[in-house]
All heavy atoms as atom14 arrays in JSON, in Angstrom:
{
  "sequence": "FPMDCQELTVTLMSDWTDRVVEFRKDMTRMDNVRHETFTAVH",
  "atom14_mask": [
    [1, 1, 1, 1, 1, 1, 1, 1, 1, 1, 1, 0, 0, 0],
    [1, 1, 1, 1, 1, 1, 1, 0, 0, 0, 0, 0, 0, 0],
    [1, 1, 1, 1, 1, 1, 1, 1, 0, 0, 0, 0, 0, 0],
    [1, 1, 1, 1, 1, 1, 1, 1, 0, 0, 0, 0, 0, 0],
    [1, 1, 1, 1, 1, 1, 0, 0, 0, 0, 0, 0, 0, 0],
    [1, 1, 1, 1, 1, 1, 1, 1, 1, 0, 0, 0, 0, 0],
    [1, 1, 1, 1, 1, 1, 1, 1, 1, 0, 0, 0, 0, 0],
    [1, 1, 1, 1, 1, 1, 1, 1, 0, 0, 0, 0, 0, 0],
    [1, 1, 1, 1, 1, 1, 1, 0, 0, 0, 0, 0, 0, 0],
    [1, 1, 1, 1, 1, 1, 1, 0, 0, 0, 0, 0, 0, 0],
    [1, 1, 1, 1, 1, 1, 1, 0, 0, 0, 0, 0, 0, 0],
    [1, 1, 1, 1, 1, 1, 1, 1, 0, 0, 0, 0, 0, 0],
    [1, 1, 1, 1, 1, 1, 1, 1, 0, 0, 0, 0, 0, 0],
    [1, 1, 1, 1, 1, 1, 0, 0, 0, 0, 0, 0, 0, 0],
    [1, 1, 1, 1, 1, 1, 1, 1, 0, 0, 0, 0, 0, 0],
    [1, 1, 1, 1, 1, 1, 1, 1, 1, 1, 1, 1, 1, 1],
    [1, 1, 1, 1, 1, 1, 1, 0, 0, 0, 0, 0, 0, 0],
    [1, 1, 1, 1, 1, 1, 1, 1, 0, 0, 0, 0, 0, 0],
    [1, 1, 1, 1, 1, 1, 1, 1, 1, 1, 1, 0, 0, 0],
    [1, 1, 1, 1, 1, 1, 1, 0, 0, 0, 0, 0, 0, 0],
    [1, 1, 1, 1, 1, 1, 1, 0, 0, 0, 0, 0, 0, 0],
    [1, 1, 1, 1, 1, 1, 1, 1, 1, 0, 0, 0, 0, 0],
    [1, 1, 1, 1, 1, 1, 1, 1, 1, 1, 1, 0, 0, 0],
    [1, 1, 1, 1, 1, 1, 1, 1, 1, 1, 1, 0, 0, 0],
    [1, 1, 1, 1, 1, 1, 1, 1, 1, 0, 0, 0, 0, 0],
    [1, 1, 1, 1, 1, 1, 1, 1, 0, 0, 0, 0, 0, 0],
    [1, 1, 1, 1, 1, 1, 1, 1, 0, 0, 0, 0, 0, 0],
    [1, 1, 1, 1, 1, 1, 1, 0, 0, 0, 0, 0, 0, 0],
    [1, 1, 1, 1, 1, 1, 1, 1, 1, 1, 1, 0, 0, 0],
    [1, 1, 1, 1, 1, 1, 1, 1, 0, 0, 0, 0, 0, 0],
    [1, 1, 1, 1, 1, 1, 1, 1, 0, 0, 0, 0, 0, 0],
    [1, 1, 1, 1, 1, 1, 1, 1, 0, 0, 0, 0, 0, 0],
    [1, 1, 1, 1, 1, 1, 1, 0, 0, 0, 0, 0, 0, 0],
    [1, 1, 1, 1, 1, 1, 1, 1, 1, 1, 1, 0, 0, 0],
    [1, 1, 1, 1, 1, 1, 1, 1, 1, 1, 0, 0, 0, 0],
    [1, 1, 1, 1, 1, 1, 1, 1, 1, 0, 0, 0, 0, 0],
    [1, 1, 1, 1, 1, 1, 1, 0, 0, 0, 0, 0, 0, 0],
    [1, 1, 1, 1, 1, 1, 1, 1, 1, 1, 1, 0, 0, 0],
    [1, 1, 1, 1, 1, 1, 1, 0, 0, 0, 0, 0, 0, 0],
    [1, 1, 1, 1, 1, 0, 0, 0, 0, 0, 0, 0, 0, 0],
    [1, 1, 1, 1, 1, 1, 1, 0, 0, 0, 0, 0, 0, 0],
    [1, 1, 1, 1, 1, 1, 1, 1, 1, 1, 0, 0, 0, 0]
  ],
  "atom14_positions": [
    [[0.82, -1.18, -0.03], [-0.02, -0.03, 0.03], [0.96, 1.24, 0.09], [1.72, 1.36, 0.78], [-0.83, -0.07, 1.28], [-1.63, 1.09, 1.44], [-2.95, 1.21, 0.8], [-1.28, 2.24, 2.24], [-3.79, 2.35, 0.97], [-2.08, 3.33, 2.45], [-3.26, 3.37, 1.74], [0.0, 0.0, 0.0], [0.0, 0.0, 0.0], [0.0, 0.0, 0.0]],
    [[0.63, 2.25, -0.89], [-0.51, 2.38, -1.83], [-0.31, 1.97, -3.26], [-0.94, 2.49, -4.17], [-0.79, 3.95, -1.81], [0.59, 4.42, -1.6], [1.32, 3.53, -0.72], [0.0, 0.0, 0.0], [0.0, 0.0, 0.0], [0.0, 0.0, 0.0], [0.0, 0.0, 0.0], [0.0, 0.0, 0.0], [0.0, 0.0, 0.0], [0.0, 0.0, 0.0]],
    [[0.75, 1.05, -3.48], [1.03, 0.55, -4.82], [0.53, -0.88, -4.98], [1.21, -1.75, -5.51], [2.58, 0.67, -5.07], [3.06, 2.02, -5.64], [3.2, 3.22, -4.24], [4.48, 2.4, -3.24], [0.0, 0.0, 0.0], [0.0, 0.0, 0.0], [0.0, 0.0, 0.0], [0.0, 0.0, 0.0], [0.0, 0.0, 0.0], [0.0, 0.0, 0.0]],
    [[-0.6, -1.23, -4.37], [-1.02, -2.58, -4.18], [-1.97, -2.89, -5.31], [-2.61, -2.13, -5.91], [-1.64, -2.8, -2.87], [-2.74, -1.85, -2.59], [-2.58, -0.71, -2.9], [-3.67, -2.14, -1.84], [0.0, 0.0, 0.0], [0.0, 0.0, 0.0], [0.0, 0.0, 0.0], [0.0, 0.0, 0.0], [0.0, 0.0, 0.0], [0.0, 0.0, 0.0]],
    [[-2.07, -4.21, -5.5], [-3.01, -4.89, -6.36], [-3.83, -5.81, -5.68], [-3.27, -6.64, -4.87], [-2.35, -5.41, -7.63], [-3.5, -6.46, -8.7], [0.0, 0.0, 0.0], [0.0, 0.0, 0.0], [0.0, 0.0, 0.0], [0.0, 0.0, 0.0], [0.0, 0.0, 0.0], [0.0, 0.0, 0.0], [0.0, 0.0, 0.0], [0.0, 0.0, 0.0]],
    [[-5.13, -5.76, -5.74], [-6.02, -6.57, -4.84], [-6.86, -7.5, -5.73], [-7.31, -7.19, -6.84], [-6.95, -5.66, -3.92], [-6.16, -4.76, -3.03], [-5.4, -5.49, -1.97], [-5.66, -6.67, -1.6], [-4.44, -4.78, -1.38], [0.0, 0.0, 0.0], [0.0, 0.0, 0.0], [0.0, 0.0, 0.0], [0.0, 0.0, 0.0], [0.0, 0.0, 0.0]],
    [[-7.15, -8.71, -5.12], [-8.07, -9.63, -5.65], [-9.47, -9.39, -4.98], [-9.57, -9.42, -3.72], [-7.66, -11.04, -5.4], [-6.38, -11.47, -6.08], [-6.03, -12.89, -5.83], [-6.5, -13.53, -4.91], [-5.09, -13.38, -6.53], [0.0, 0.0, 0.0], [0.0, 0.0, 0.0], [0.0, 0.0, 0.0], [0.0, 0.0, 0.0], [0.0, 0.0, 0.0]],
    [[-10.58, -9.23, -5.7], [-11.79, -9.26, -5.22], [-12.51, -10.51, -5.6], [-12.82, -10.78, -6.7], [-12.61, -8.04, -5.86], [-11.92, -6.59, -5.7], [-12.91, -5.56, -6.4], [-11.73, -6.33, -4.29], [0.0, 0.0, 0.0], [0.0, 0.0, 0.0], [0.0, 0.0, 0.0], [0.0, 0.0, 0.0], [0.0, 0.0, 0.0], [0.0, 0.0, 0.0]],
    [[-12.78, -11.4, -4.52], [-13.16, -12.81, -4.8], [-14.53, -13.05, -4.3], [-14.97, -12.57, -3.21], [-12.16, -13.68, -3.98], [-10.75, -13.38, -4.27], [-12.46, -15.09, -4.33], [0.0, 0.0, 0.0], [0.0, 0.0, 0.0], [0.0, 0.0, 0.0], [0.0, 0.0, 0.0], [0.0, 0.0, 0.0], [0.0, 0.0, 0.0], [0.0, 0.0, 0.0]],
    [[-15.26, -13.57, -5.17], [-16.61, -14.22, -4.77], [-16.41, -15.68, -4.79], [-16.09, -16.34, -5.84], [-17.69, -13.86, -5.82], [-18.99, -14.51, -5.5], [-17.86, -12.24, -5.92], [0.0, 0.0, 0.0], [0.0, 0.0, 0.0], [0.0, 0.0, 0.0], [0.0, 0.0, 0.0], [0.0, 0.0, 0.0], [0.0, 0.0, 0.0], [0.0, 0.0, 0.0]],
    [[-16.67, -16.21, -3.57], [-16.47, -17.64, -3.38], [-17.69, -18.49, -3.3], [-18.64, -18.2, -2.53], [-15.67, -17.91, -2.1], [-14.36, -17.17, -2.24], [-15.32, -19.4, -1.84], [0.0, 0.0, 0.0], [0.0, 0.0, 0.0], [0.0, 0.0, 0.0], [0.0, 0.0, 0.0], [0.0, 0.0, 0.0], [0.0, 0.0, 0.0], [0.0, 0.0, 0.0]],
    [[-17.94, -19.42, -4.11], [-18.95, -20.4, -4.14], [-18.57, -21.69, -3.48], [-17.47, -22.15, -3.59], [-19.42, -20.74, -5.55], [-19.66, -19.57, -6.56], [-20.11, -20.12, -7.91], [-20.62, -18.6, -6.07], [0.0, 0.0, 0.0], [0.0, 0.0, 0.0], [0.0, 0.0, 0.0], [0.0, 0.0, 0.0], [0.0, 0.0, 0.0], [0.0, 0.0, 0.0]],
    [[-19.47, -22.26, -2.71], [-19.32, -23.46, -1.99], [-20.59, -24.34, -2.14], [-21.73, -23.82, -2.01], [-18.87, -23.22, -0.57], [-18.4, -24.48, 0.07], [-17.93, -24.33, 1.88], [-19.52, -24.2, 2.61], [0.0, 0.0, 0.0], [0.0, 0.0, 0.0], [0.0, 0.0, 0.0], [0.0, 0.0, 0.0], [0.0, 0.0, 0.0], [0.0, 0.0, 0.0]],
    [[-20.41, -25.59, -2.25], [-21.57, -26.54, -2.23], [-21.69, -27.16, -0.88], [-20.73, -27.42, -0.16], [-21.4, -27.63, -3.23], [-22.29, -28.54, -3.23], [0.0, 0.0, 0.0], [0.0, 0.0, 0.0], [0.0, 0.0, 0.0], [0.0, 0.0, 0.0], [0.0, 0.0, 0.0], [0.0, 0.0, 0.0], [0.0, 0.0, 0.0], [0.0, 0.0, 0.0]],
    [[-22.95, -27.33, -0.45], [-23.21, -27.91, 0.79], [-23.13, -29.47, 0.69], [-23.15, -30.18, 1.68], [-24.69, -27.55, 1.3], [-24.66, -26.19, 1.91], [-23.51, -25.69, 2.13], [-25.74, -25.63, 1.88], [0.0, 0.0, 0.0], [0.0, 0.0, 0.0], [0.0, 0.0, 0.0], [0.0, 0.0, 0.0], [0.0, 0.0, 0.0], [0.0, 0.0, 0.0]],
    [[-22.91, -30.01, -0.58], [-22.64, -31.49, -0.71], [-21.05, -31.6, -0.53], [-20.33, -30.65, -0.8], [-22.97, -31.93, -2.08], [-24.43, -31.91, -2.4], [-25.06, -31.04, -3.34], [-25.52, -32.65, -1.92], [-26.42, -31.24, -3.36], [-26.63, -32.27, -2.54], [-25.5, -33.8, -0.93], [-27.94, -32.95, -2.24], [-26.69, -34.45, -0.7], [-27.93, -33.98, -1.24]],
    [[-20.65, -32.72, -0.22], [-19.3, -32.93, -0.02], [-18.53, -33.11, -1.29], [-19.24, -33.22, -2.38], [-18.94, -34.24, 0.89], [-19.44, -35.38, 0.17], [-19.72, -34.1, 2.24], [0.0, 0.0, 0.0], [0.0, 0.0, 0.0], [0.0, 0.0, 0.0], [0.0, 0.0, 0.0], [0.0, 0.0, 0.0], [0.0, 0.0, 0.0], [0.0, 0.0, 0.0]],
    [[-17.21, -33.16, -1.31], [-16.51, -33.31, -2.62], [-16.52, -34.72, -3.14], [-16.11, -34.86, -4.21], [-15.02, -32.81, -2.4], [-14.26, -33.69, -1.28], [-14.95, -34.46, -0.65], [-13.08, -33.59, -1.21], [0.0, 0.0, 0.0], [0.0, 0.0, 0.0], [0.0, 0.0, 0.0], [0.0, 0.0, 0.0], [0.0, 0.0, 0.0], [0.0, 0.0, 0.0]],
    [[-17.21, -35.59, -2.4], [-17.37, -36.89, -2.98], [-18.67, -36.95, -3.79], [-18.9, -37.88, -4.51], [-17.52, -37.91, -1.79], [-16.31, -38.09, -1.02], [-16.37, -39.23, 0.06], [-17.42, -39.04, 0.93], [-17.3, -38.44, 2.06], [-16.06, -37.99, 2.4], [-18.28, -38.29, 2.94], [0.0, 0.0, 0.0], [0.0, 0.0, 0.0], [0.0, 0.0, 0.0]],
    [[-19.46, -35.98, -3.71], [-20.73, -35.79, -4.45], [-20.6, -34.84, -5.66], [-21.06, -35.03, -6.71], [-21.93, -35.52, -3.52], [-23.25, -35.34, -4.33], [-21.99, -36.5, -2.44], [0.0, 0.0, 0.0], [0.0, 0.0, 0.0], [0.0, 0.0, 0.0], [0.0, 0.0, 0.0], [0.0, 0.0, 0.0], [0.0, 0.0, 0.0], [0.0, 0.0, 0.0]],
    [[-19.94, -33.69, -5.4], [-20.08, -32.59, -6.34], [-18.64, -32.1, -6.61], [-17.72, -32.13, -5.72], [-20.76, -31.45, -5.78], [-20.61, -30.11, -6.73], [-22.25, -31.74, -5.73], [0.0, 0.0, 0.0], [0.0, 0.0, 0.0], [0.0, 0.0, 0.0], [0.0, 0.0, 0.0], [0.0, 0.0, 0.0], [0.0, 0.0, 0.0], [0.0, 0.0, 0.0]],
    [[-18.33, -31.8, -7.88], [-17.02, -31.29, -8.31], [-17.34, -30.01, -9.22], [-18.09, -30.1, -10.18], [-16.31, -32.27, -9.08], [-14.96, -31.75, -9.66], [-14.19, -32.73, -10.49], [-14.97, -33.7, -11.01], [-13.03, -32.61, -10.82], [0.0, 0.0, 0.0], [0.0, 0.0, 0.0], [0.0, 0.0, 0.0], [0.0, 0.0, 0.0], [0.0, 0.0, 0.0]],
    [[-16.64, -28.91, -8.85], [-16.84, -27.72, -9.59], [-15.77, -27.63, -10.71], [-14.64, -28.03, -10.58], [-16.69, -26.4, -8.77], [-17.85, -26.23, -7.92], [-17.64, -25.79, -6.55], [-19.19, -26.33, -8.36], [-18.77, -25.53, -5.74], [-20.25, -26.05, -7.56], [-20.11, -25.68, -6.31], [0.0, 0.0, 0.0], [0.0, 0.0, 0.0], [0.0, 0.0, 0.0]],
    [[-16.14, -27.1, -11.94], [-15.41, -26.92, -13.08], [-15.69, -25.7, -13.81], [-16.81, -25.15, -13.77], [-15.32, -28.14, -14.1], [-14.58, -29.35, -13.58], [-14.52, -30.43, -14.63], [-13.86, -31.67, -14.11], [-13.77, -32.77, -14.9], [-14.32, -32.75, -16.22], [-13.1, -33.81, -14.45], [0.0, 0.0, 0.0], [0.0, 0.0, 0.0], [0.0, 0.0, 0.0]],
    [[-14.76, -25.14, -14.54], [-15.02, -24.09, -15.4], [-15.81, -24.45, -16.6], [-15.53, -25.47, -17.17], [-13.76, -23.32, -15.83], [-13.79, -22.36, -17.02], [-14.39, -21.03, -16.55], [-14.56, -20.07, -17.62], [-15.69, -20.42, -18.61], [0.0, 0.0, 0.0], [0.0, 0.0, 0.0], [0.0, 0.0, 0.0], [0.0, 0.0, 0.0], [0.0, 0.0, 0.0]],
    [[-16.81, -23.72, -16.95], [-17.72, -24.0, -18.04], [-16.98, -23.58, -19.38], [-16.68, -22.35, -19.4], [-19.06, -23.24, -18.08], [-20.05, -23.66, -19.03], [-19.57, -24.33, -20.1], [-21.26, -23.38, -18.87], [0.0, 0.0, 0.0], [0.0, 0.0, 0.0], [0.0, 0.0, 0.0], [0.0, 0.0, 0.0], [0.0, 0.0, 0.0], [0.0, 0.0, 0.0]],
    [[-16.52, -24.51, -20.16], [-15.77, -24.26, -21.33], [-16.52, -23.84, -22.62], [-15.92, -23.76, -23.62], [-14.88, -25.44, -21.58], [-13.81, -25.79, -20.47], [-12.66, -24.45, -20.16], [-11.73, -24.45, -21.67], [0.0, 0.0, 0.0], [0.0, 0.0, 0.0], [0.0, 0.0, 0.0], [0.0, 0.0, 0.0], [0.0, 0.0, 0.0], [0.0, 0.0, 0.0]],
    [[-17.82, -23.6, -22.39], [-18.67, -23.17, -23.55], [-18.85, -21.75, -23.6], [-19.26, -21.17, -24.69], [-20.04, -23.97, -23.48], [-20.71, -23.46, -22.3], [-19.89, -25.39, -23.42], [0.0, 0.0, 0.0], [0.0, 0.0, 0.0], [0.0, 0.0, 0.0], [0.0, 0.0, 0.0], [0.0, 0.0, 0.0], [0.0, 0.0, 0.0], [0.0, 0.0, 0.0]],
    [[-18.6, -21.04, -22.55], [-18.72, -19.55, -22.54], [-17.55, -18.97, -21.77], [-17.06, -19.63, -20.77], [-19.99, -19.18, -21.89], [-21.33, -19.6, -22.66], [-21.47, -18.56, -23.79], [-21.67, -17.19, -23.34], [-22.87, -16.8, -22.93], [-24.05, -17.53, -22.94], [-23.08, -15.52, -22.56], [0.0, 0.0, 0.0], [0.0, 0.0, 0.0], [0.0, 0.0, 0.0]],
    [[-17.11, -17.79, -22.18], [-16.05, -17.08, -21.47], [-16.6, -16.26, -20.31], [-17.68, -15.56, -20.48], [-15.32, -16.16, -22.44], [-13.93, -15.66, -21.98], [-12.83, -17.09, -21.75], [-11.57, -16.26, -20.72], [0.0, 0.0, 0.0], [0.0, 0.0, 0.0], [0.0, 0.0, 0.0], [0.0, 0.0, 0.0], [0.0, 0.0, 0.0], [0.0, 0.0, 0.0]],
    [[-15.96, -16.31, -19.25], [-16.35, -15.27, -18.12], [-15.91, -13.91, -18.52], [-14.99, -13.72, -19.22], [-15.63, -15.73, -16.78], [-15.96, -17.1, -16.37], [-17.18, -17.62, -16.63], [-15.07, -17.77, -15.79], [0.0, 0.0, 0.0], [0.0, 0.0, 0.0], [0.0, 0.0, 0.0], [0.0, 0.0, 0.0], [0.0, 0.0, 0.0], [0.0, 0.0, 0.0]],
    [[-16.65, -12.93, -17.98], [-16.29, -11.49, -18.28], [-16.67, -10.54, -17.17], [-17.42, -10.9, -16.25], [-17.09, -11.06, -19.54], [-18.6, -11.08, -19.36], [-19.13, -10.18, -18.82], [-19.24, -12.24, -19.81], [0.0, 0.0, 0.0], [0.0, 0.0, 0.0], [0.0, 0.0, 0.0], [0.0, 0.0, 0.0], [0.0, 0.0, 0.0], [0.0, 0.0, 0.0]],
    [[-16.1, -9.35, -17.27], [-16.36, -8.35, -16.26], [-16.54, -7.03, -17.01], [-15.92, -6.8, -18.04], [-15.16, -8.11, -15.3], [-13.81, -7.94, -16.04], [-15.41, -7.04, -14.23], [0.0, 0.0, 0.0], [0.0, 0.0, 0.0], [0.0, 0.0, 0.0], [0.0, 0.0, 0.0], [0.0, 0.0, 0.0], [0.0, 0.0, 0.0], [0.0, 0.0, 0.0]],
    [[-17.6, -6.25, -16.53], [-17.91, -5.09, -17.25], [-17.24, -3.83, -16.65], [-17.32, -3.67, -15.41], [-19.52, -4.84, -17.16], [-20.25, -6.0, -17.91], [-21.77, -5.68, -17.86], [-22.44, -6.69, -18.45], [-23.83, -6.83, -18.45], [-24.52, -5.85, -17.95], [-24.54, -7.73, -19.01], [0.0, 0.0, 0.0], [0.0, 0.0, 0.0], [0.0, 0.0, 0.0]],
    [[-16.62, -3.08, -17.46], [-15.89, -1.88, -17.01], [-16.73, -0.73, -16.89], [-16.4, 0.23, -16.14], [-14.71, -1.62, -17.99], [-13.56, -2.62, -17.84], [-13.56, -3.85, -18.34], [-12.32, -2.41, -17.18], [-12.41, -4.48, -18.06], [-11.7, -3.61, -17.31], [0.0, 0.0, 0.0], [0.0, 0.0, 0.0], [0.0, 0.0, 0.0], [0.0, 0.0, 0.0]],
    [[-17.7, -0.7, -17.71], [-18.64, 0.6, -17.74], [-19.38, 0.82, -16.46], [-19.82, 1.85, -16.28], [-19.46, 0.6, -19.01], [-20.63, -0.51, -18.98], [-20.13, -1.8, -19.62], [-18.79, -1.98, -19.88], [-20.91, -2.77, -19.86], [0.0, 0.0, 0.0], [0.0, 0.0, 0.0], [0.0, 0.0, 0.0], [0.0, 0.0, 0.0], [0.0, 0.0, 0.0]],
    [[-19.62, -0.22, -15.69], [-20.3, -0.15, -14.52], [-19.49, -0.17, -13.28], [-19.95, -0.25, -12.19], [-21.44, -1.31, -14.34], [-20.71, -2.53, -14.48], [-22.42, -1.17, -15.46], [0.0, 0.0, 0.0], [0.0, 0.0, 0.0], [0.0, 0.0, 0.0], [0.0, 0.0, 0.0], [0.0, 0.0, 0.0], [0.0, 0.0, 0.0], [0.0, 0.0, 0.0]],
    [[-18.18, -0.06, -13.41], [-17.17, 0.02, -12.37], [-17.36, 1.29, -11.55], [-17.16, 2.33, -12.14], [-15.81, -0.16, -12.82], [-14.75, -0.33, -11.73], [-14.9, -1.17, -10.73], [-13.57, 0.61, -11.74], [-13.93, -1.27, -9.64], [-12.61, 0.41, -10.83], [-12.85, -0.45, -9.81], [0.0, 0.0, 0.0], [0.0, 0.0, 0.0], [0.0, 0.0, 0.0]],
    [[-17.76, 1.3, -10.32], [-18.0, 2.54, -9.56], [-16.93, 3.05, -8.76], [-17.08, 3.97, -8.0], [-19.33, 2.22, -8.54], [-18.9, 1.13, -7.71], [-20.49, 1.79, -9.39], [0.0, 0.0, 0.0], [0.0, 0.0, 0.0], [0.0, 0.0, 0.0], [0.0, 0.0, 0.0], [0.0, 0.0, 0.0], [0.0, 0.0, 0.0], [0.0, 0.0, 0.0]],
    [[-15.74, 2.37, -8.79], [-14.64, 2.87, -7.91], [-13.43, 3.33, -8.85], [-12.33, 3.34, -8.55], [-14.04, 1.73, -7.01], [0.0, 0.0, 0.0], [0.0, 0.0, 0.0], [0.0, 0.0, 0.0], [0.0, 0.0, 0.0], [0.0, 0.0, 0.0], [0.0, 0.0, 0.0], [0.0, 0.0, 0.0], [0.0, 0.0, 0.0], [0.0, 0.0, 0.0]],
    [[-13.85, 3.92, -10.0], [-12.86, 4.27, -11.01], [-11.89, 5.35, -10.51], [-10.83, 5.54, -10.95], [-13.62, 4.7, -12.25], [-14.35, 5.98, -12.07], [-12.69, 4.86, -13.48], [0.0, 0.0, 0.0], [0.0, 0.0, 0.0], [0.0, 0.0, 0.0], [0.0, 0.0, 0.0], [0.0, 0.0, 0.0], [0.0, 0.0, 0.0], [0.0, 0.0, 0.0]],
    [[-12.37, 6.19, -9.52], [-11.42, 7.27, -9.1], [-10.21, 6.81, -8.12], [-9.29, 7.54, -8.05], [-12.27, 8.37, -8.31], [-13.24, 9.09, -9.24], [-12.88, 9.83, -10.23], [-14.64, 9.01, -9.28], [-14.0, 10.3, -10.76], [-15.11, 9.84, -10.28], [0.0, 0.0, 0.0], [0.0, 0.0, 0.0], [0.0, 0.0, 0.0], [0.0, 0.0, 0.0]]
  ]
}
């Protein structure tokens, strides 16, 4: 700080155990982030 770079993380978790559910990236669509609605631009 104040030359830092931060990760803003949204974490998903399943209430099933890892023996029942496995998460993977959906390879049919690309994830994206919108810049025009970024409210902390200053």
